[in-house]
Structures are given as C-alpha cells and as structure tokens.
C-alpha cells in the first residue's frame, strides 16, 4: 500500500496514533509477504 493511500485510510477512519501505527505495521508486513511471494515465483 502506498504511503498516500495509507495516510488517506488513517485520516478517513480518524485513527488515533496507536491504531495508525498498528495499521502501518500491518501494511509493512503484508508488503514483505507480497515481495517474498514474488521472489519465490521468479525462482520457479
């Protein structure tokens, strides 16, 4: 998720800092998983 989209979601949902940080961490984790899947697919 691009930072611009993440900021829009945080603003739209009126997330407090702890919830915004959790969403940011979730986003980073999902991006890492996606990159790992793409890397494994390219190896095959």
PDB file of N, CA and C in Angstrom:
ATOM      1  N   UNK A   1       0.868  -1.167   0.000  1.00  0.00           N
ATOM      2  CA  UNK A   1       0.000   0.000   0.000  1.00  0.00           C
ATOM      3  C   UNK A   1       0.908   1.222   0.000  1.00  0.00           C
ATOM      4  N   UNK A   2       0.634   2.109  -0.905  1.00  0.00           N
ATOM      5  CA  UNK A   2       1.446   3.317  -0.984  1.00  0.00           C
ATOM      6  C   UNK A   2       1.150   4.219   0.219  1.00  0.00           C
ATOM      7  N   UNK A   3       2.136   5.007   0.583  1.00  0.00           N
ATOM      8  CA  UNK A   3       2.016   5.895   1.743  1.00  0.00           C
ATOM      9  C   UNK A   3       0.832   6.846   1.606  1.00  0.00           C
ATOM     10  N   UNK A   4       0.584   7.323   0.402  1.00  0.00           N
ATOM     11  CA  UNK A   4      -0.524   8.246   0.164  1.00  0.00           C
ATOM     12  C   UNK A   4      -1.862   7.580   0.504  1.00  0.00           C
ATOM     13  N   UNK A   5      -2.008   6.329   0.092  1.00  0.00           N
ATOM     14  CA  UNK A   5      -3.245   5.593   0.373  1.00  0.00           C
ATOM     15  C   UNK A   5      -3.363   5.309   1.863  1.00  0.00           C
ATOM     16  N   UNK A   6      -2.258   4.902   2.477  1.00  0.00           N
ATOM     17  CA  UNK A   6      -2.250   4.632   3.908  1.00  0.00           C
ATOM     18  C   UNK A   6      -2.669   5.871   4.692  1.00  0.00           C
ATOM     19  N   UNK A   7      -2.129   7.025   4.335  1.00  0.00           N
ATOM     20  CA  UNK A   7      -2.494   8.272   5.017  1.00  0.00           C
ATOM     21  C   UNK A   7      -3.971   8.599   4.822  1.00  0.00           C
ATOM     22  N   UNK A   8      -4.491   8.333   3.633  1.00  0.00           N
ATOM     23  CA  UNK A   8      -5.910   8.586   3.372  1.00  0.00           C
ATOM     24  C   UNK A   8      -6.792   7.688   4.235  1.00  0.00           C
ATOM     25  N   UNK A   9      -6.416   6.435   4.365  1.00  0.00           N
ATOM     26  CA  UNK A   9      -7.190   5.495   5.195  1.00  0.00           C
ATOM     27  C   UNK A   9      -7.147   5.924   6.655  1.00  0.00           C
ATOM     28  N   UNK A  10      -5.963   6.257   7.133  1.00  0.00           N
ATOM     29  CA  UNK A  10      -5.813   6.695   8.531  1.00  0.00           C
ATOM     30  C   UNK A  10      -6.667   7.930   8.792  1.00  0.00           C
ATOM     31  N   UNK A  11      -6.625   8.885   7.878  1.00  0.00           N
ATOM     32  CA  UNK A  11      -7.408  10.108   8.035  1.00  0.00           C
ATOM     33  C   UNK A  11      -8.903   9.850   7.948  1.00  0.00           C
ATOM     34  N   UNK A  12      -9.299   9.031   6.996  1.00  0.00           N
ATOM     35  CA  UNK A  12     -10.725   8.747   6.794  1.00  0.00           C
ATOM     36  C   UNK A  12     -11.325   8.022   7.994  1.00  0.00           C
ATOM     37  N   UNK A  13     -10.564   7.123   8.581  1.00  0.00           N
ATOM     38  CA  UNK A  13     -11.051   6.368   9.731  1.00  0.00           C
ATOM     39  C   UNK A  13     -10.835   7.111  11.049  1.00  0.00           C
ATOM     40  N   UNK A  14     -10.163   8.252  10.998  1.00  0.00           N
ATOM     41  CA  UNK A  14      -9.848   9.048  12.197  1.00  0.00           C
ATOM     42  C   UNK A  14      -9.158   8.190  13.259  1.00  0.00           C
ATOM     43  N   UNK A  15      -8.130   7.477  12.819  1.00  0.00           N
ATOM     44  CA  UNK A  15      -7.414   6.592  13.735  1.00  0.00           C
ATOM     45  C   UNK A  15      -6.536   7.388  14.687  1.00  0.00           C
ATOM     46  N   UNK A  16      -6.508   6.945  15.908  1.00  0.00           N
ATOM     47  CA  UNK A  16      -5.600   7.529  16.889  1.00  0.00           C
ATOM     48  C   UNK A  16      -4.208   6.972  16.622  1.00  0.00           C
ATOM     49  N   UNK A  17      -3.173   7.615  17.180  1.00  0.00           N
ATOM     50  CA  UNK A  17      -1.800   7.176  16.894  1.00  0.00           C
ATOM     51  C   UNK A  17      -1.531   5.683  17.119  1.00  0.00           C
ATOM     52  N   UNK A  18      -2.000   5.064  18.209  1.00  0.00           N
ATOM     53  CA  UNK A  18      -1.705   3.626  18.358  1.00  0.00           C
ATOM     54  C   UNK A  18      -2.327   2.775  17.242  1.00  0.00           C
ATOM     55  N   UNK A  19      -3.551   3.106  16.842  1.00  0.00           N
ATOM     56  CA  UNK A  19      -4.203   2.345  15.785  1.00  0.00           C
ATOM     57  C   UNK A  19      -3.543   2.627  14.426  1.00  0.00           C
ATOM     58  N   UNK A  20      -3.143   3.864  14.213  1.00  0.00           N
ATOM     59  CA  UNK A  20      -2.459   4.215  12.964  1.00  0.00           C
ATOM     60  C   UNK A  20      -1.131   3.465  12.858  1.00  0.00           C
ATOM     61  N   UNK A  21      -0.418   3.358  13.970  1.00  0.00           N
ATOM     62  CA  UNK A  21       0.849   2.622  13.980  1.00  0.00           C
ATOM     63  C   UNK A  21       0.615   1.141  13.707  1.00  0.00           C
ATOM     64  N   UNK A  22      -0.425   0.587  14.275  1.00  0.00           N
ATOM     65  CA  UNK A  22      -0.753  -0.820  14.021  1.00  0.00           C
ATOM     66  C   UNK A  22      -1.063  -1.046  12.545  1.00  0.00           C
ATOM     67  N   UNK A  23      -1.810  -0.141  11.945  1.00  0.00           N
ATOM     68  CA  UNK A  23      -2.127  -0.254  10.528  1.00  0.00           C
ATOM     69  C   UNK A  23      -0.860  -0.143   9.686  1.00  0.00           C
ATOM     70  N   UNK A  24       0.035   0.733  10.060  1.00  0.00           N
ATOM     71  CA  UNK A  24       1.302   0.883   9.338  1.00  0.00           C
ATOM     72  C   UNK A  24       2.132  -0.393   9.427  1.00  0.00           C
ATOM     73  N   UNK A  25       2.184  -0.982  10.612  1.00  0.00           N
ATOM     74  CA  UNK A  25       2.928  -2.235  10.784  1.00  0.00           C
ATOM     75  C   UNK A  25       2.311  -3.363   9.962  1.00  0.00           C
ATOM     76  N   UNK A  26       0.996  -3.438   9.975  1.00  0.00           N
ATOM     77  CA  UNK A  26       0.306  -4.453   9.182  1.00  0.00           C
ATOM     78  C   UNK A  26       0.621  -4.275   7.698  1.00  0.00           C
ATOM     79  N   UNK A  27       0.599  -3.045   7.246  1.00  0.00           N
ATOM     80  CA  UNK A  27       0.888  -2.748   5.843  1.00  0.00           C
ATOM     81  C   UNK A  27       2.296  -3.186   5.477  1.00  0.00           C
ATOM     82  N   UNK A  28       3.267  -2.852   6.327  1.00  0.00           N
ATOM     83  CA  UNK A  28       4.660  -3.255   6.060  1.00  0.00           C
ATOM     84  C   UNK A  28       4.794  -4.772   6.027  1.00  0.00           C
ATOM     85  N   UNK A  29       4.118  -5.465   6.931  1.00  0.00           N
ATOM     86  CA  UNK A  29       4.176  -6.928   6.963  1.00  0.00           C
ATOM     87  C   UNK A  29       3.591  -7.529   5.697  1.00  0.00           C
ATOM     88  N   UNK A  30       2.460  -7.005   5.268  1.00  0.00           N
ATOM     89  CA  UNK A  30       1.832  -7.513   4.052  1.00  0.00           C
ATOM     90  C   UNK A  30       2.697  -7.264   2.830  1.00  0.00           C
ATOM     91  N   UNK A  31       3.369  -6.117   2.796  1.00  0.00           N
ATOM     92  CA  UNK A  31       4.262  -5.818   1.680  1.00  0.00           C
ATOM     93  C   UNK A  31       5.438  -6.785   1.655  1.00  0.00           C
ATOM     94  N   UNK A  32       5.978  -7.127   2.817  1.00  0.00           N
ATOM     95  CA  UNK A  32       7.082  -8.089   2.884  1.00  0.00           C
ATOM     96  C   UNK A  32       6.632  -9.456   2.394  1.00  0.00           C
ATOM     97  N   UNK A  33       5.439  -9.866   2.797  1.00  0.00           N
ATOM     98  CA  UNK A  33       4.910 -11.154   2.355  1.00  0.00           C
ATOM     99  C   UNK A  33       4.740 -11.154   0.838  1.00  0.00           C
ATOM    100  N   UNK A  34       4.202 -10.084   0.301  1.00  0.00           N
ATOM    101  CA  UNK A  34       3.990  -9.983  -1.145  1.00  0.00           C
ATOM    102  C   UNK A  34       5.317 -10.039  -1.895  1.00  0.00           C
ATOM    103  N   UNK A  35       6.334  -9.345  -1.391  1.00  0.00           N
ATOM    104  CA  UNK A  35       7.648  -9.370  -2.038  1.00  0.00           C
ATOM    105  C   UNK A  35       8.241 -10.775  -1.991  1.00  0.00           C
ATOM    106  N   UNK A  36       8.041 -11.477  -0.887  1.00  0.00           N
ATOM    107  CA  UNK A  36       8.545 -12.842  -0.758  1.00  0.00           C
ATOM    108  C   UNK A  36       7.859 -13.748  -1.758  1.00  0.00           C
ATOM    109  N   UNK A  37       6.560 -13.601  -1.918  1.00  0.00           N
ATOM    110  CA  UNK A  37       5.824 -14.417  -2.897  1.00  0.00           C
ATOM    111  C   UNK A  37       6.315 -14.139  -4.306  1.00  0.00           C
ATOM    112  N   UNK A  38       6.532 -12.862  -4.628  1.00  0.00           N
ATOM    113  CA  UNK A  38       7.012 -12.519  -5.959  1.00  0.00           C
ATOM    114  C   UNK A  38       8.403 -13.078  -6.201  1.00  0.00           C
ATOM    115  N   UNK A  39       9.246 -13.045  -5.166  1.00  0.00           N
ATOM    116  CA  UNK A  39      10.606 -13.557  -5.299  1.00  0.00           C
ATOM    117  C   UNK A  39      10.578 -15.067  -5.547  1.00  0.00           C
ATOM    118  N   UNK A  40       9.740 -15.777  -4.785  1.00  0.00           N
ATOM    119  CA  UNK A  40       9.653 -17.230  -4.945  1.00  0.00           C
ATOM    120  C   UNK A  40       9.097 -17.604  -6.304  1.00  0.00           C
ATOM    121  N   UNK A  41       8.143 -16.830  -6.817  1.00  0.00           N
ATOM    122  CA  UNK A  41       7.580 -17.101  -8.136  1.00  0.00           C
ATOM    123  C   UNK A  41       8.627 -16.909  -9.230  1.00  0.00           C
ATOM    124  N   UNK A  42       9.503 -15.940  -9.057  1.00  0.00           N
ATOM    125  CA  UNK A  42      10.508 -15.673 -10.073  1.00  0.00           C
ATOM    126  C   UNK A  42      11.597 -16.738 -10.075  1.00  0.00           C
ATOM    127  N   UNK A  43      11.769 -17.442  -8.957  1.00  0.00           N
ATOM    128  CA  UNK A  43      12.760 -18.505  -8.882  1.00  0.00           C
ATOM    129  C   UNK A  43      12.301 -19.751  -9.637  1.00  0.00           C
ATOM    130  N   UNK A  44      11.010 -19.973  -9.661  1.00  0.00           N
ATOM    131  CA  UNK A  44      10.459 -21.208 -10.253  1.00  0.00           C
ATOM    132  C   UNK A  44      10.618 -21.249 -11.760  1.00  0.00           C
TER     133      UNK A  44
END
